[in-house]
Amino acid sequence: QEVDHGGELVSCRLTPVGKISKECQVTDNSDGTYLVSVTPQELGQHKLSIYIHGQDIQGSPFNLSVILQHELQSHVQTITGINHPMYIAFSDNGDMFVTSCNDKCVHVYDSSGKKK
């Protein structure tokens, strides 16, 4: 359910597969959007769980692959129409998640670059 105000109890955990999870930083933008900040400490598969009032949001946990920058070349796609992209993440099925500062949303693309 979409809201236009902050104040919800939003939390996040990043879990490297087979390891102990780490809490992520969540910033309330006071407009119904939240910024989740996480810095993985190791390469490999991770699960990103995002909760509102202790309940998983739709699609959570998300599967993420943390790779070295030079390995990113195989994932490069040309995407247009995103105002001020900030962060990019890839799921293990090849989907790409791009956060946008101006659009206040997450854009999702399949592995061929088609918007979902």
N, C-alpha and C. Protein backbone atom coordinates (compact mmCIF):
# COMPACT_ATOMS: atom_id res chain seq x y z
N GLN A 1 0.85 -1.17 0.00
CA GLN A 1 0.00 0.00 0.00
C GLN A 1 0.89 1.23 0.00
N GLU A 2 0.64 2.14 -0.92
CA GLU A 2 1.44 3.35 -1.06
C GLU A 2 0.99 4.39 -0.04
N VAL A 3 1.96 5.07 0.56
CA VAL A 3 1.67 6.14 1.52
C VAL A 3 2.46 7.39 1.13
N ASP A 4 2.03 8.55 1.62
CA ASP A 4 2.71 9.80 1.28
C ASP A 4 3.36 10.44 2.49
N HIS A 5 3.62 9.64 3.53
CA HIS A 5 4.25 10.16 4.74
C HIS A 5 5.21 9.10 5.29
N GLY A 6 6.10 9.52 6.14
CA GLY A 6 7.04 8.59 6.77
C GLY A 6 6.52 8.09 8.09
N GLY A 7 7.44 7.62 8.91
CA GLY A 7 7.09 7.19 10.25
C GLY A 7 6.84 5.71 10.41
N GLU A 8 6.92 4.93 9.32
CA GLU A 8 6.72 3.49 9.43
C GLU A 8 8.00 2.86 10.00
N LEU A 9 7.87 1.71 10.64
CA LEU A 9 9.00 0.99 11.19
C LEU A 9 9.58 0.11 10.09
N VAL A 10 10.60 0.61 9.39
CA VAL A 10 11.23 -0.10 8.29
C VAL A 10 12.62 -0.54 8.74
N SER A 11 12.94 -1.81 8.50
CA SER A 11 14.25 -2.33 8.84
C SER A 11 14.74 -3.23 7.72
N CYS A 12 16.02 -3.56 7.78
CA CYS A 12 16.64 -4.30 6.69
C CYS A 12 17.79 -5.13 7.23
N ARG A 13 18.01 -6.32 6.63
CA ARG A 13 19.15 -7.17 7.00
C ARG A 13 19.76 -7.73 5.71
N LEU A 14 21.10 -7.76 5.67
CA LEU A 14 21.82 -8.37 4.55
C LEU A 14 22.49 -9.63 5.09
N THR A 15 22.26 -10.74 4.42
CA THR A 15 22.80 -12.02 4.87
C THR A 15 23.61 -12.67 3.76
N PRO A 16 24.93 -12.76 3.92
CA PRO A 16 25.71 -13.57 2.98
C PRO A 16 25.26 -15.02 3.15
N VAL A 17 25.08 -15.75 2.05
CA VAL A 17 24.58 -17.12 2.12
C VAL A 17 25.47 -17.95 3.05
N GLY A 18 24.83 -18.58 4.04
CA GLY A 18 25.54 -19.42 4.98
C GLY A 18 26.24 -18.68 6.10
N LYS A 19 26.02 -17.37 6.21
CA LYS A 19 26.70 -16.56 7.23
C LYS A 19 25.67 -15.82 8.09
N ILE A 20 26.17 -15.04 9.02
CA ILE A 20 25.31 -14.26 9.93
C ILE A 20 24.90 -12.95 9.26
N SER A 21 23.64 -12.57 9.45
CA SER A 21 23.12 -11.35 8.82
C SER A 21 23.62 -10.10 9.54
N LYS A 22 23.59 -9.00 8.80
CA LYS A 22 24.01 -7.70 9.33
C LYS A 22 22.88 -6.71 9.09
N GLU A 23 22.57 -5.91 10.10
CA GLU A 23 21.52 -4.90 9.95
C GLU A 23 21.99 -3.81 8.99
N CYS A 24 21.07 -3.31 8.19
CA CYS A 24 21.35 -2.24 7.22
C CYS A 24 20.83 -0.92 7.77
N GLN A 25 21.34 0.16 7.23
CA GLN A 25 20.87 1.49 7.61
C GLN A 25 19.64 1.83 6.78
N VAL A 26 18.60 2.34 7.42
CA VAL A 26 17.38 2.76 6.73
C VAL A 26 17.13 4.22 7.07
N THR A 27 16.92 5.04 6.04
CA THR A 27 16.64 6.47 6.21
C THR A 27 15.21 6.74 5.79
N ASP A 28 14.43 7.34 6.67
CA ASP A 28 13.05 7.73 6.39
C ASP A 28 13.08 9.07 5.69
N ASN A 29 12.60 9.11 4.44
CA ASN A 29 12.57 10.37 3.67
C ASN A 29 11.35 11.22 3.99
N SER A 30 10.51 10.76 4.92
CA SER A 30 9.31 11.48 5.39
C SER A 30 8.28 11.75 4.32
N ASP A 31 8.36 11.01 3.20
CA ASP A 31 7.39 11.20 2.12
C ASP A 31 6.80 9.87 1.65
N GLY A 32 6.98 8.83 2.48
CA GLY A 32 6.50 7.51 2.10
C GLY A 32 7.57 6.64 1.46
N THR A 33 8.77 7.21 1.24
CA THR A 33 9.88 6.44 0.69
C THR A 33 10.98 6.31 1.73
N TYR A 34 11.78 5.26 1.58
CA TYR A 34 12.86 4.97 2.52
C TYR A 34 14.10 4.60 1.71
N LEU A 35 15.25 5.01 2.20
CA LEU A 35 16.51 4.68 1.56
C LEU A 35 17.19 3.60 2.39
N VAL A 36 17.44 2.46 1.77
CA VAL A 36 18.15 1.37 2.43
C VAL A 36 19.59 1.43 1.97
N SER A 37 20.53 1.53 2.92
CA SER A 37 21.95 1.60 2.61
C SER A 37 22.65 0.39 3.21
N VAL A 38 23.42 -0.27 2.37
CA VAL A 38 24.15 -1.46 2.82
C VAL A 38 25.48 -1.53 2.08
N THR A 39 26.52 -1.93 2.78
CA THR A 39 27.83 -2.13 2.19
C THR A 39 28.26 -3.57 2.46
N PRO A 40 28.13 -4.46 1.47
CA PRO A 40 28.53 -5.84 1.68
C PRO A 40 30.02 -5.92 2.03
N GLN A 41 30.36 -6.84 2.91
CA GLN A 41 31.74 -6.99 3.35
C GLN A 41 32.45 -8.14 2.64
N GLU A 42 31.74 -8.87 1.79
CA GLU A 42 32.36 -9.97 1.08
C GLU A 42 31.65 -10.23 -0.24
N LEU A 43 32.35 -10.91 -1.15
CA LEU A 43 31.79 -11.25 -2.45
C LEU A 43 30.89 -12.46 -2.32
N GLY A 44 30.03 -12.66 -3.31
CA GLY A 44 29.20 -13.86 -3.36
C GLY A 44 27.72 -13.55 -3.24
N GLN A 45 26.95 -14.59 -3.01
CA GLN A 45 25.50 -14.50 -2.93
C GLN A 45 25.07 -13.98 -1.56
N HIS A 46 24.09 -13.09 -1.58
CA HIS A 46 23.53 -12.51 -0.36
C HIS A 46 22.01 -12.50 -0.47
N LYS A 47 21.35 -12.42 0.66
CA LYS A 47 19.91 -12.21 0.70
C LYS A 47 19.68 -10.87 1.41
N LEU A 48 18.88 -10.01 0.78
CA LEU A 48 18.53 -8.71 1.33
C LEU A 48 17.07 -8.77 1.76
N SER A 49 16.85 -8.69 3.07
CA SER A 49 15.50 -8.74 3.61
C SER A 49 15.09 -7.34 4.06
N ILE A 50 13.92 -6.90 3.61
CA ILE A 50 13.40 -5.59 3.99
C ILE A 50 12.05 -5.80 4.66
N TYR A 51 11.89 -5.19 5.83
CA TYR A 51 10.69 -5.40 6.64
C TYR A 51 9.98 -4.08 6.94
N ILE A 52 8.66 -4.14 7.01
CA ILE A 52 7.86 -3.04 7.55
C ILE A 52 7.11 -3.63 8.74
N HIS A 53 7.33 -3.05 9.91
CA HIS A 53 6.74 -3.54 11.15
C HIS A 53 7.02 -5.04 11.35
N GLY A 54 8.26 -5.45 11.01
CA GLY A 54 8.69 -6.83 11.23
C GLY A 54 8.22 -7.83 10.20
N GLN A 55 7.46 -7.39 9.20
CA GLN A 55 6.95 -8.28 8.16
C GLN A 55 7.69 -8.02 6.85
N ASP A 56 8.08 -9.09 6.14
CA ASP A 56 8.75 -8.93 4.85
C ASP A 56 7.88 -8.12 3.89
N ILE A 57 8.52 -7.20 3.15
CA ILE A 57 7.79 -6.53 2.07
C ILE A 57 7.65 -7.52 0.92
N GLN A 58 6.81 -7.20 -0.05
CA GLN A 58 6.59 -8.09 -1.19
C GLN A 58 7.90 -8.35 -1.91
N GLY A 59 8.21 -9.62 -2.14
CA GLY A 59 9.42 -10.01 -2.85
C GLY A 59 10.62 -10.25 -1.95
N SER A 60 10.55 -9.83 -0.69
CA SER A 60 11.65 -10.00 0.25
C SER A 60 11.64 -11.42 0.79
N PRO A 61 12.80 -12.05 0.92
CA PRO A 61 14.14 -11.51 0.71
C PRO A 61 14.51 -11.52 -0.78
N PHE A 62 15.39 -10.57 -1.15
CA PHE A 62 15.88 -10.43 -2.51
C PHE A 62 17.24 -11.10 -2.61
N ASN A 63 17.48 -11.82 -3.68
CA ASN A 63 18.78 -12.45 -3.91
C ASN A 63 19.69 -11.48 -4.64
N LEU A 64 20.88 -11.26 -4.10
CA LEU A 64 21.85 -10.35 -4.69
C LEU A 64 23.18 -11.05 -4.88
N SER A 65 23.88 -10.69 -5.95
CA SER A 65 25.24 -11.17 -6.18
C SER A 65 26.18 -10.00 -6.00
N VAL A 66 27.15 -10.14 -5.13
CA VAL A 66 28.16 -9.10 -4.94
C VAL A 66 29.39 -9.57 -5.71
N ILE A 67 29.78 -8.76 -6.71
CA ILE A 67 30.89 -9.13 -7.59
C ILE A 67 31.92 -8.02 -7.64
N LEU A 68 33.10 -8.35 -8.15
CA LEU A 68 34.13 -7.33 -8.36
C LEU A 68 33.72 -6.46 -9.53
N GLN A 69 34.15 -5.21 -9.53
CA GLN A 69 33.75 -4.26 -10.57
C GLN A 69 34.11 -4.76 -11.96
N HIS A 70 35.29 -5.36 -12.15
CA HIS A 70 35.67 -5.80 -13.50
C HIS A 70 34.79 -6.94 -14.00
N GLU A 71 34.12 -7.68 -13.10
CA GLU A 71 33.20 -8.74 -13.50
C GLU A 71 31.87 -8.17 -13.98
N LEU A 72 31.63 -6.89 -13.74
CA LEU A 72 30.38 -6.23 -14.09
C LEU A 72 30.19 -6.11 -15.60
N GLN A 73 31.27 -6.18 -16.37
CA GLN A 73 31.18 -5.98 -17.81
C GLN A 73 30.15 -6.90 -18.47
N SER A 74 29.99 -8.13 -17.98
CA SER A 74 29.02 -9.05 -18.59
C SER A 74 27.57 -8.64 -18.31
N HIS A 75 27.36 -7.74 -17.36
CA HIS A 75 26.01 -7.31 -16.99
C HIS A 75 25.64 -5.95 -17.57
N VAL A 76 26.54 -5.30 -18.27
CA VAL A 76 26.30 -3.92 -18.71
C VAL A 76 25.13 -3.85 -19.68
N GLN A 77 24.21 -2.95 -19.41
CA GLN A 77 23.06 -2.66 -20.26
C GLN A 77 22.96 -1.15 -20.41
N THR A 78 22.47 -0.69 -21.55
CA THR A 78 22.21 0.72 -21.73
C THR A 78 20.76 0.98 -21.36
N ILE A 79 20.56 1.76 -20.33
CA ILE A 79 19.21 2.07 -19.85
C ILE A 79 19.03 3.58 -19.93
N THR A 80 17.93 4.02 -20.52
CA THR A 80 17.66 5.45 -20.63
C THR A 80 16.38 5.77 -19.85
N GLY A 81 16.18 7.04 -19.57
CA GLY A 81 14.94 7.48 -18.96
C GLY A 81 14.92 7.45 -17.45
N ILE A 82 16.07 7.26 -16.80
CA ILE A 82 16.12 7.29 -15.34
C ILE A 82 16.77 8.59 -14.92
N ASN A 83 16.04 9.38 -14.15
CA ASN A 83 16.56 10.66 -13.67
C ASN A 83 17.45 10.43 -12.47
N HIS A 84 18.72 10.77 -12.60
CA HIS A 84 19.70 10.68 -11.52
C HIS A 84 19.75 9.30 -10.86
N PRO A 85 20.17 8.27 -11.63
CA PRO A 85 20.32 6.95 -11.00
C PRO A 85 21.37 7.01 -9.89
N MET A 86 21.13 6.28 -8.81
CA MET A 86 22.05 6.32 -7.66
C MET A 86 22.75 5.00 -7.43
N TYR A 87 22.01 3.90 -7.30
CA TYR A 87 22.59 2.60 -6.96
C TYR A 87 22.04 1.53 -7.89
N ILE A 88 22.86 0.53 -8.16
CA ILE A 88 22.47 -0.57 -9.02
C ILE A 88 22.78 -1.88 -8.30
N ALA A 89 21.85 -2.84 -8.38
CA ALA A 89 22.08 -4.17 -7.83
C ALA A 89 21.52 -5.19 -8.82
N PHE A 90 22.09 -6.38 -8.79
CA PHE A 90 21.64 -7.47 -9.66
C PHE A 90 21.20 -8.65 -8.82
N SER A 91 20.10 -9.30 -9.23
CA SER A 91 19.68 -10.53 -8.56
C SER A 91 20.36 -11.70 -9.27
N ASP A 92 20.29 -12.89 -8.69
CA ASP A 92 20.97 -14.02 -9.31
C ASP A 92 20.26 -14.52 -10.57
N ASN A 93 19.05 -14.04 -10.87
CA ASN A 93 18.41 -14.39 -12.13
C ASN A 93 18.70 -13.36 -13.22
N GLY A 94 19.55 -12.36 -12.91
CA GLY A 94 19.95 -11.37 -13.89
C GLY A 94 19.15 -10.08 -13.87
N ASP A 95 18.09 -10.02 -13.05
CA ASP A 95 17.32 -8.78 -12.95
C ASP A 95 18.20 -7.67 -12.38
N MET A 96 17.99 -6.46 -12.86
CA MET A 96 18.76 -5.30 -12.40
C MET A 96 17.81 -4.34 -11.69
N PHE A 97 18.25 -3.84 -10.53
CA PHE A 97 17.48 -2.90 -9.73
C PHE A 97 18.26 -1.58 -9.71
N VAL A 98 17.61 -0.50 -10.13
CA VAL A 98 18.25 0.82 -10.18
C VAL A 98 17.43 1.79 -9.35
N THR A 99 18.06 2.38 -8.35
CA THR A 99 17.36 3.40 -7.57
C THR A 99 17.53 4.74 -8.25
N SER A 100 16.52 5.57 -8.12
CA SER A 100 16.53 6.89 -8.75
C SER A 100 16.24 7.96 -7.72
N CYS A 101 17.12 8.93 -7.64
CA CYS A 101 16.96 10.03 -6.68
C CYS A 101 15.72 10.85 -6.99
N ASN A 102 15.57 11.28 -8.23
CA ASN A 102 14.45 12.16 -8.60
C ASN A 102 13.12 11.43 -8.67
N ASP A 103 13.13 10.17 -9.15
CA ASP A 103 11.87 9.43 -9.30
C ASP A 103 11.38 8.83 -7.99
N LYS A 104 12.26 8.78 -6.97
CA LYS A 104 11.92 8.22 -5.66
C LYS A 104 11.33 6.82 -5.80
N CYS A 105 12.02 5.97 -6.56
CA CYS A 105 11.54 4.61 -6.75
C CYS A 105 12.71 3.71 -7.13
N VAL A 106 12.41 2.43 -7.27
CA VAL A 106 13.38 1.46 -7.77
C VAL A 106 12.87 0.97 -9.11
N HIS A 107 13.70 1.11 -10.14
CA HIS A 107 13.37 0.60 -11.47
C HIS A 107 13.90 -0.82 -11.57
N VAL A 108 13.11 -1.75 -12.14
CA VAL A 108 13.52 -3.14 -12.27
C VAL A 108 13.53 -3.52 -13.75
N TYR A 109 14.65 -4.14 -14.18
CA TYR A 109 14.84 -4.55 -15.56
C TYR A 109 15.23 -6.02 -15.59
N ASP A 110 14.81 -6.74 -16.64
CA ASP A 110 15.26 -8.13 -16.77
C ASP A 110 16.67 -8.15 -17.35
N SER A 111 17.23 -9.33 -17.52
CA SER A 111 18.62 -9.46 -17.94
C SER A 111 18.89 -8.93 -19.35
N SER A 112 17.83 -8.74 -20.15
CA SER A 112 18.02 -8.17 -21.49
C SER A 112 17.87 -6.65 -21.50
N GLY A 113 17.56 -6.06 -20.34
CA GLY A 113 17.41 -4.61 -20.24
C GLY A 113 15.98 -4.13 -20.40
N LYS A 114 15.01 -5.06 -20.51
CA LYS A 114 13.61 -4.70 -20.65
C LYS A 114 13.02 -4.38 -19.28
N LYS A 115 12.32 -3.23 -19.18
CA LYS A 115 11.70 -2.82 -17.92
C LYS A 115 10.59 -3.79 -17.54
N LYS A 116 10.57 -4.16 -16.25
CA LYS A 116 9.54 -5.09 -15.76
C LYS A 116 8.39 -4.31 -15.15
